[in-house]
Protein backbone atom coordinates (compact mmCIF):
# COMPACT_ATOMS: atom_id res chain seq x y z
CA MET A 1 63.66 8.61 1.44
CA ILE A 2 64.77 10.08 4.78
CA ILE A 3 65.14 13.45 6.45
CA VAL A 4 68.66 13.75 7.88
CA ASN A 5 69.00 15.89 10.99
CA LEU A 6 72.49 17.02 11.91
CA VAL A 7 72.92 18.93 15.16
CA VAL A 8 76.13 20.95 15.29
CA PHE A 9 77.37 23.06 18.18
CA ASN A 10 79.75 25.36 16.34
CA LYS A 11 78.36 27.92 13.90
CA GLU A 12 81.48 27.70 11.72
CA GLN A 13 80.72 24.02 11.03
CA ILE A 14 77.46 24.86 9.29
CA ASN A 15 79.04 26.02 6.02
CA ASN A 16 81.31 22.96 5.91
CA VAL A 17 78.38 20.56 6.29
CA VAL A 18 76.14 22.43 3.83
CA SER A 19 78.94 22.56 1.26
CA LYS A 20 79.64 18.81 1.59
CA ALA A 21 75.94 17.92 1.34
CA LEU A 22 75.46 19.89 -1.86
CA LYS A 23 78.81 19.17 -3.56
CA ASN A 24 78.56 15.43 -2.84
CA LYS A 25 75.00 15.45 -4.24
CA TRP A 26 73.48 14.01 -1.08
CA THR A 27 70.55 16.40 -1.50
CA LEU A 28 69.25 19.31 -3.54
CA ASN A 29 68.60 21.80 -0.76
CA VAL A 30 69.53 22.22 2.88
CA ILE A 31 67.64 23.89 5.72
CA VAL A 32 69.56 25.38 8.66
CA SER A 33 67.79 26.44 11.83
CA ASN A 34 68.53 29.54 13.82
CA ALA A 35 70.37 28.84 17.06
CA VAL A 36 68.35 26.63 19.40
CA ASP A 37 68.84 25.32 22.93
CA SER A 38 70.01 21.76 23.49
CA TYR A 39 69.63 20.01 26.85
CA TYR A 40 71.58 17.09 28.31
CA MET A 41 72.19 15.43 31.66
CA ASP A 42 75.51 15.95 33.43
CA GLU A 43 75.50 13.47 36.32
CA SER A 44 72.26 14.52 38.04
CA THR A 45 71.93 18.06 36.66
CA ILE A 46 70.17 19.14 33.49
CA LYS A 47 72.51 21.34 31.47
CA ASN A 48 71.70 23.71 28.64
CA HIS A 49 73.85 24.25 25.57
CA SER A 50 72.53 27.26 23.71
CA GLY A 51 73.74 27.87 20.19
CA ALA A 52 73.08 24.46 18.65
CA HIS A 53 72.01 24.46 15.00
CA VAL A 54 69.97 21.83 13.20
CA ILE A 55 70.85 21.12 9.58
CA GLN A 56 68.15 19.20 7.70
CA PHE A 57 67.86 17.71 4.24
CA ALA A 58 65.98 15.01 2.38
CA THR A 59 68.02 12.25 0.80
CA LYS A 60 68.06 8.59 -0.10
CA SER A 61 68.19 6.28 2.92
CA LEU A 62 71.11 4.32 1.46
CA LEU A 63 73.31 7.42 1.81
CA PHE A 64 73.09 7.70 5.61
CA SER A 65 76.26 5.70 6.35
CA GLU A 66 78.18 7.46 3.58
CA ILE A 67 77.21 10.87 4.94
CA GLU A 68 78.30 9.93 8.46
CA SER A 69 81.60 8.39 7.27
CA THR A 70 82.42 11.35 5.05
CA LEU A 71 81.78 13.90 7.79
CA ILE A 72 83.94 11.96 10.25
CA LYS A 73 86.74 11.51 7.70
CA GLU A 74 86.75 14.96 6.08
CA LEU A 75 85.87 17.10 9.10
CA PRO A 76 87.97 15.54 11.87
CA GLY A 77 87.28 16.80 15.36
CA MET A 78 83.82 18.06 14.48
CA TYR A 79 81.29 17.01 17.11
CA PHE A 80 77.81 16.42 15.76
CA ILE A 81 74.70 14.39 16.44
CA MET A 82 73.17 12.80 13.36
CA TYR A 83 69.88 10.98 13.05
CA ALA A 84 67.25 10.45 10.39
CA ALA A 85 63.52 10.00 10.17
CA PRO A 86 61.67 8.38 7.30
CA ALA A 87 60.02 10.78 4.88
CA VAL A 88 56.68 8.98 4.93
CA HIS A 89 54.80 11.63 2.99
CA ILE A 90 56.56 13.72 0.37
CA ASP A 91 55.11 15.49 -2.62
CA THR A 92 55.57 13.48 -5.80
CA VAL A 93 57.35 16.22 -7.73
CA TYR A 94 60.08 16.66 -5.11
CA TYR A 95 60.33 12.91 -4.55
CA ASP A 96 60.95 12.33 -8.26
CA ILE A 97 63.58 15.08 -8.39
CA ILE A 98 65.50 13.61 -5.44
CA LYS A 99 65.16 10.08 -6.80
CA ASN A 100 66.60 11.11 -10.16
CA GLU A 101 69.12 13.80 -9.25
CA VAL A 102 70.57 12.89 -5.86
CA SER A 103 73.42 10.52 -6.47
CA GLY A 104 75.92 10.58 -3.63
CA LEU A 105 79.20 8.98 -4.57
CA THR A 106 80.29 6.08 -2.41
CA LEU A 107 83.51 6.41 -0.46
CA LEU A 108 85.02 3.65 -2.61
CA GLU A 109 84.33 5.64 -5.78
CA LYS A 110 85.99 8.75 -4.31
CA GLU A 111 89.25 7.03 -3.38
């Protein structure tokens, strides 16, 4: 089990990602942060990009590559940063629900 973190920089992209996550059964619920600041280095200067949003959801670790591939394929041109952390501790009720109800179809099954 993992927690997927998707950082998007365009507010309009949020609904597309949330819709894909739920319709493709990658997860059962999605959390979206309010706008946050993101920092990066541009040559030797630290730059700020305000307005980044973090989309989070718990899913099966085997779905990470499928999620990334689907977003790249079905939302061309969307810039995002995606990473995951292991869900080391998760309540047993929610764990069992995800284990039994999150399916995620492989790209091969969709084509």
